[in-house]
Amino acid sequence: MRSDCWRHVRRLRKDIRPPAKTSSDTSRDFGDFVVHFNALATDQLTAEVARNSNIVRSPNRAMLNVSVIRKQAGTIGEPVPAAVSAAANNLTGQVKQITIREIREGNAIYYIGELTVANEEIITFNVDVTAAGEPSPFPTITFQKQFFTK
């Protein structure tokens, strides 16, 4: 009887919130577009990359990185501008503020945002993307990443 109750609760939780993808899943295909995304501790960036992107290197800071590529047959695709927003929270529900900014390097276009993290903290990211010229946003990308600061 008791195990049936917990099974029911687990099933309800799955219905309420789709499972977040693991950090090994770093792109999503949306028809003519592919959205690439990842999150990492900023101390993993080289000093030069951090300086050029105006990012503080620290094990207690994380960076979300998003790019949008329009598929083109026979090529790796073309980076396109997009409207990108993101929200994040940890497992206790604490909301992490992320302000997204665009970075252009040659033909590349990236959208990055920073947030603070604690040791062993698991962050759930919810990323919304609308490619330039598209009438509506892609479905929200949700993924989790655990950070180790020590």
C-alpha atoms as a PDB file:
ATOM      1  CA  MET A   1       0.000   0.000   0.000  1.00  0.00           C
ATOM      2  CA  ARG A   2       2.716   2.463   1.025  1.00  0.00           C
ATOM      3  CA  SER A   3       4.866   1.783  -2.072  1.00  0.00           C
ATOM      4  CA  ASP A   4       1.793   2.322  -4.284  1.00  0.00           C
ATOM      5  CA  CYS A   5       1.346   5.760  -2.733  1.00  0.00           C
ATOM      6  CA  TRP A   6       4.957   6.768  -3.422  1.00  0.00           C
ATOM      7  CA  ARG A   7       4.718   5.424  -6.957  1.00  0.00           C
ATOM      8  CA  HIS A   8       1.678   7.649  -7.472  1.00  0.00           C
ATOM      9  CA  VAL A   9       3.501  10.691  -6.032  1.00  0.00           C
ATOM     10  CA  ARG A  10       6.501  10.084  -8.308  1.00  0.00           C
ATOM     11  CA  ARG A  11       4.202   9.762 -11.321  1.00  0.00           C
ATOM     12  CA  LEU A  12       2.472  13.046 -10.419  1.00  0.00           C
ATOM     13  CA  ARG A  13       5.819  14.846 -10.050  1.00  0.00           C
ATOM     14  CA  LYS A  14       6.816  13.675 -13.532  1.00  0.00           C
ATOM     15  CA  ASP A  15       3.544  15.035 -14.925  1.00  0.00           C
ATOM     16  CA  ILE A  16       4.031  18.423 -13.297  1.00  0.00           C
ATOM     17  CA  ARG A  17       7.586  19.160 -14.399  1.00  0.00           C
ATOM     18  CA  PRO A  18       9.445  17.715 -17.368  1.00  0.00           C
ATOM     19  CA  PRO A  19      12.788  16.220 -16.375  1.00  0.00           C
ATOM     20  CA  ALA A  20      15.784  18.459 -16.893  1.00  0.00           C
ATOM     21  CA  LYS A  21      18.357  17.209 -19.348  1.00  0.00           C
ATOM     22  CA  THR A  22      21.761  16.348 -17.994  1.00  0.00           C
ATOM     23  CA  SER A  23      24.782  18.504 -18.728  1.00  0.00           C
ATOM     24  CA  SER A  24      25.964  16.015 -21.387  1.00  0.00           C
ATOM     25  CA  ASP A  25      23.058  17.103 -23.620  1.00  0.00           C
ATOM     26  CA  THR A  26      24.321  20.408 -25.042  1.00  0.00           C
ATOM     27  CA  SER A  27      22.202  21.130 -28.114  1.00  0.00           C
ATOM     28  CA  ARG A  28      18.620  20.999 -29.293  1.00  0.00           C
ATOM     29  CA  ASP A  29      17.330  20.782 -32.833  1.00  0.00           C
ATOM     30  CA  PHE A  30      14.427  23.065 -33.761  1.00  0.00           C
ATOM     31  CA  GLY A  31      13.806  22.455 -37.453  1.00  0.00           C
ATOM     32  CA  ASP A  32      15.934  24.966 -39.382  1.00  0.00           C
ATOM     33  CA  PHE A  33      17.912  25.859 -36.245  1.00  0.00           C
ATOM     34  CA  VAL A  34      20.137  24.229 -33.638  1.00  0.00           C
ATOM     35  CA  VAL A  35      20.559  25.855 -30.226  1.00  0.00           C
ATOM     36  CA  HIS A  36      23.836  25.026 -28.445  1.00  0.00           C
ATOM     37  CA  PHE A  37      24.094  25.610 -24.692  1.00  0.00           C
ATOM     38  CA  ASN A  38      26.357  24.871 -21.760  1.00  0.00           C
ATOM     39  CA  ALA A  39      27.264  26.093 -18.305  1.00  0.00           C
ATOM     40  CA  LEU A  40      30.645  26.031 -16.617  1.00  0.00           C
ATOM     41  CA  ALA A  41      32.530  27.551 -13.708  1.00  0.00           C
ATOM     42  CA  THR A  42      34.243  30.722 -14.901  1.00  0.00           C
ATOM     43  CA  ASP A  43      37.600  29.642 -13.462  1.00  0.00           C
ATOM     44  CA  GLN A  44      37.712  27.122 -16.337  1.00  0.00           C
ATOM     45  CA  LEU A  45      38.029  29.987 -18.833  1.00  0.00           C
ATOM     46  CA  THR A  46      41.476  31.143 -19.850  1.00  0.00           C
ATOM     47  CA  ALA A  47      42.485  34.540 -18.507  1.00  0.00           C
ATOM     48  CA  GLU A  48      42.451  35.949 -22.042  1.00  0.00           C
ATOM     49  CA  VAL A  49      38.934  34.716 -22.844  1.00  0.00           C
ATOM     50  CA  ALA A  50      37.616  36.008 -19.506  1.00  0.00           C
ATOM     51  CA  ARG A  51      39.266  39.399 -20.016  1.00  0.00           C
ATOM     52  CA  ASN A  52      38.000  39.757 -23.606  1.00  0.00           C
ATOM     53  CA  SER A  53      34.457  38.850 -22.526  1.00  0.00           C
ATOM     54  CA  ASN A  54      34.549  40.913 -19.314  1.00  0.00           C
ATOM     55  CA  ILE A  55      33.950  37.846 -17.127  1.00  0.00           C
ATOM     56  CA  VAL A  56      35.238  37.408 -13.572  1.00  0.00           C
ATOM     57  CA  ARG A  57      37.136  34.102 -13.218  1.00  0.00           C
ATOM     58  CA  SER A  58      36.136  32.316 -10.013  1.00  0.00           C
ATOM     59  CA  PRO A  59      35.168  28.800  -8.922  1.00  0.00           C
ATOM     60  CA  ASN A  60      32.086  30.402  -7.261  1.00  0.00           C
ATOM     61  CA  ARG A  61      30.806  31.919 -10.504  1.00  0.00           C
ATOM     62  CA  ALA A  62      29.200  30.094 -13.389  1.00  0.00           C
ATOM     63  CA  MET A  63      28.624  31.149 -16.960  1.00  0.00           C
ATOM     64  CA  LEU A  64      25.735  30.133 -19.185  1.00  0.00           C
ATOM     65  CA  ASN A  65      26.646  30.134 -22.893  1.00  0.00           C
ATOM     66  CA  VAL A  66      24.037  29.905 -25.686  1.00  0.00           C
ATOM     67  CA  SER A  67      24.390  30.112 -29.466  1.00  0.00           C
ATOM     68  CA  VAL A  68      21.866  29.738 -32.267  1.00  0.00           C
ATOM     69  CA  ILE A  69      22.843  28.228 -35.627  1.00  0.00           C
ATOM     70  CA  ARG A  70      20.725  28.240 -38.782  1.00  0.00           C
ATOM     71  CA  LYS A  71      21.221  24.957 -40.617  1.00  0.00           C
ATOM     72  CA  GLN A  72      22.733  25.201 -44.111  1.00  0.00           C
ATOM     73  CA  ALA A  73      23.282  22.077 -46.188  1.00  0.00           C
ATOM     74  CA  GLY A  74      26.928  21.162 -46.634  1.00  0.00           C
ATOM     75  CA  THR A  75      28.151  23.597 -43.945  1.00  0.00           C
ATOM     76  CA  ILE A  76      28.410  23.807 -40.163  1.00  0.00           C
ATOM     77  CA  GLY A  77      25.611  26.376 -40.310  1.00  0.00           C
ATOM     78  CA  GLU A  78      25.349  30.120 -39.840  1.00  0.00           C
ATOM     79  CA  PRO A  79      25.228  31.874 -36.450  1.00  0.00           C
ATOM     80  CA  VAL A  80      22.115  34.032 -36.136  1.00  0.00           C
ATOM     81  CA  PRO A  81      21.108  36.749 -33.694  1.00  0.00           C
ATOM     82  CA  ALA A  82      18.396  35.842 -31.214  1.00  0.00           C
ATOM     83  CA  ALA A  83      16.460  37.037 -28.210  1.00  0.00           C
ATOM     84  CA  VAL A  84      17.726  34.905 -25.318  1.00  0.00           C
ATOM     85  CA  SER A  85      16.572  34.923 -21.711  1.00  0.00           C
ATOM     86  CA  ALA A  86      17.340  32.534 -18.890  1.00  0.00           C
ATOM     87  CA  ALA A  87      16.222  31.714 -15.390  1.00  0.00           C
ATOM     88  CA  ALA A  88      17.951  29.422 -12.936  1.00  0.00           C
ATOM     89  CA  ASN A  89      17.271  27.918  -9.543  1.00  0.00           C
ATOM     90  CA  ASN A  90      18.875  25.426  -7.207  1.00  0.00           C
ATOM     91  CA  LEU A  91      17.232  22.361  -5.679  1.00  0.00           C
ATOM     92  CA  THR A  92      15.945  24.341  -2.693  1.00  0.00           C
ATOM     93  CA  GLY A  93      14.115  26.693  -5.066  1.00  0.00           C
ATOM     94  CA  GLN A  94      16.487  29.648  -4.617  1.00  0.00           C
ATOM     95  CA  VAL A  95      16.273  31.777  -7.762  1.00  0.00           C
ATOM     96  CA  LYS A  96      19.557  32.765  -9.409  1.00  0.00           C
ATOM     97  CA  GLN A  97      19.473  35.978 -11.420  1.00  0.00           C
ATOM     98  CA  ILE A  98      20.980  35.783 -14.917  1.00  0.00           C
ATOM     99  CA  THR A  99      21.351  38.780 -17.192  1.00  0.00           C
ATOM    100  CA  ILE A 100      22.099  37.672 -20.740  1.00  0.00           C
ATOM    101  CA  ARG A 101      24.357  39.704 -23.027  1.00  0.00           C
ATOM    102  CA  GLU A 102      25.415  39.221 -26.609  1.00  0.00           C
ATOM    103  CA  ILE A 103      29.039  38.719 -27.625  1.00  0.00           C
ATOM    104  CA  ARG A 104      30.215  38.789 -31.238  1.00  0.00           C
ATOM    105  CA  GLU A 105      33.599  37.464 -32.307  1.00  0.00           C
ATOM    106  CA  GLY A 106      34.055  37.564 -36.067  1.00  0.00           C
ATOM    107  CA  ASN A 107      31.072  35.666 -37.474  1.00  0.00           C
ATOM    108  CA  ALA A 108      30.284  33.971 -34.133  1.00  0.00           C
ATOM    109  CA  ILE A 109      27.420  35.165 -31.933  1.00  0.00           C
ATOM    110  CA  TYR A 110      27.181  34.024 -28.307  1.00  0.00           C
ATOM    111  CA  TYR A 111      24.786  34.849 -25.509  1.00  0.00           C
ATOM    112  CA  ILE A 112      26.297  34.620 -22.042  1.00  0.00           C
ATOM    113  CA  GLY A 113      25.140  35.217 -18.505  1.00  0.00           C
ATOM    114  CA  GLU A 114      26.793  34.792 -15.127  1.00  0.00           C
ATOM    115  CA  LEU A 115      25.569  33.645 -11.734  1.00  0.00           C
ATOM    116  CA  THR A 116      27.012  32.691  -8.363  1.00  0.00           C
ATOM    117  CA  VAL A 117      27.210  29.035  -7.324  1.00  0.00           C
ATOM    118  CA  ALA A 118      28.148  27.093  -4.207  1.00  0.00           C
ATOM    119  CA  ASN A 119      30.129  23.871  -3.899  1.00  0.00           C
ATOM    120  CA  GLU A 120      28.171  20.814  -5.101  1.00  0.00           C
ATOM    121  CA  GLU A 121      25.190  23.016  -5.991  1.00  0.00           C
ATOM    122  CA  ILE A 122      22.898  21.670  -8.699  1.00  0.00           C
ATOM    123  CA  ILE A 123      21.412  24.393 -10.867  1.00  0.00           C
ATOM    124  CA  THR A 124      18.416  23.986 -13.161  1.00  0.00           C
ATOM    125  CA  PHE A 125      18.575  26.332 -16.145  1.00  0.00           C
ATOM    126  CA  ASN A 126      15.513  27.336 -18.186  1.00  0.00           C
ATOM    127  CA  VAL A 127      16.526  29.012 -21.437  1.00  0.00           C
ATOM    128  CA  ASP A 128      14.128  30.751 -23.832  1.00  0.00           C
ATOM    129  CA  VAL A 129      15.275  31.526 -27.377  1.00  0.00           C
ATOM    130  CA  THR A 130      13.653  33.287 -30.314  1.00  0.00           C
ATOM    131  CA  ALA A 131      15.805  33.356 -33.454  1.00  0.00           C
ATOM    132  CA  ALA A 132      15.808  36.655 -35.364  1.00  0.00           C
ATOM    133  CA  GLY A 133      13.018  36.700 -37.925  1.00  0.00           C
ATOM    134  CA  GLU A 134      11.103  33.851 -36.299  1.00  0.00           C
ATOM    135  CA  PRO A 135       7.511  34.579 -35.210  1.00  0.00           C
ATOM    136  CA  SER A 136       7.654  32.648 -31.935  1.00  0.00           C
ATOM    137  CA  PRO A 137      10.139  31.264 -29.430  1.00  0.00           C
ATOM    138  CA  PHE A 138      11.412  27.709 -29.483  1.00  0.00           C
ATOM    139  CA  PRO A 139      10.215  25.451 -26.650  1.00  0.00           C
ATOM    140  CA  THR A 140      12.035  26.241 -23.390  1.00  0.00           C
ATOM    141  CA  ILE A 141      15.333  24.403 -22.972  1.00  0.00           C
ATOM    142  CA  THR A 142      15.705  22.995 -19.457  1.00  0.00           C
ATOM    143  CA  PHE A 143      18.894  21.376 -18.207  1.00  0.00           C
ATOM    144  CA  GLN A 144      20.797  20.807 -14.970  1.00  0.00           C
ATOM    145  CA  LYS A 145      24.442  21.222 -14.063  1.00  0.00           C
ATOM    146  CA  GLN A 146      26.266  20.518 -10.818  1.00  0.00           C
ATOM    147  CA  PHE A 147      29.141  22.801  -9.845  1.00  0.00           C
ATOM    148  CA  PHE A 148      32.160  21.994  -7.697  1.00  0.00           C
ATOM    149  CA  THR A 149      33.947  24.997  -6.226  1.00  0.00           C
ATOM    150  CA  LYS A 150      36.601  23.323  -4.103  1.00  0.00           C
END
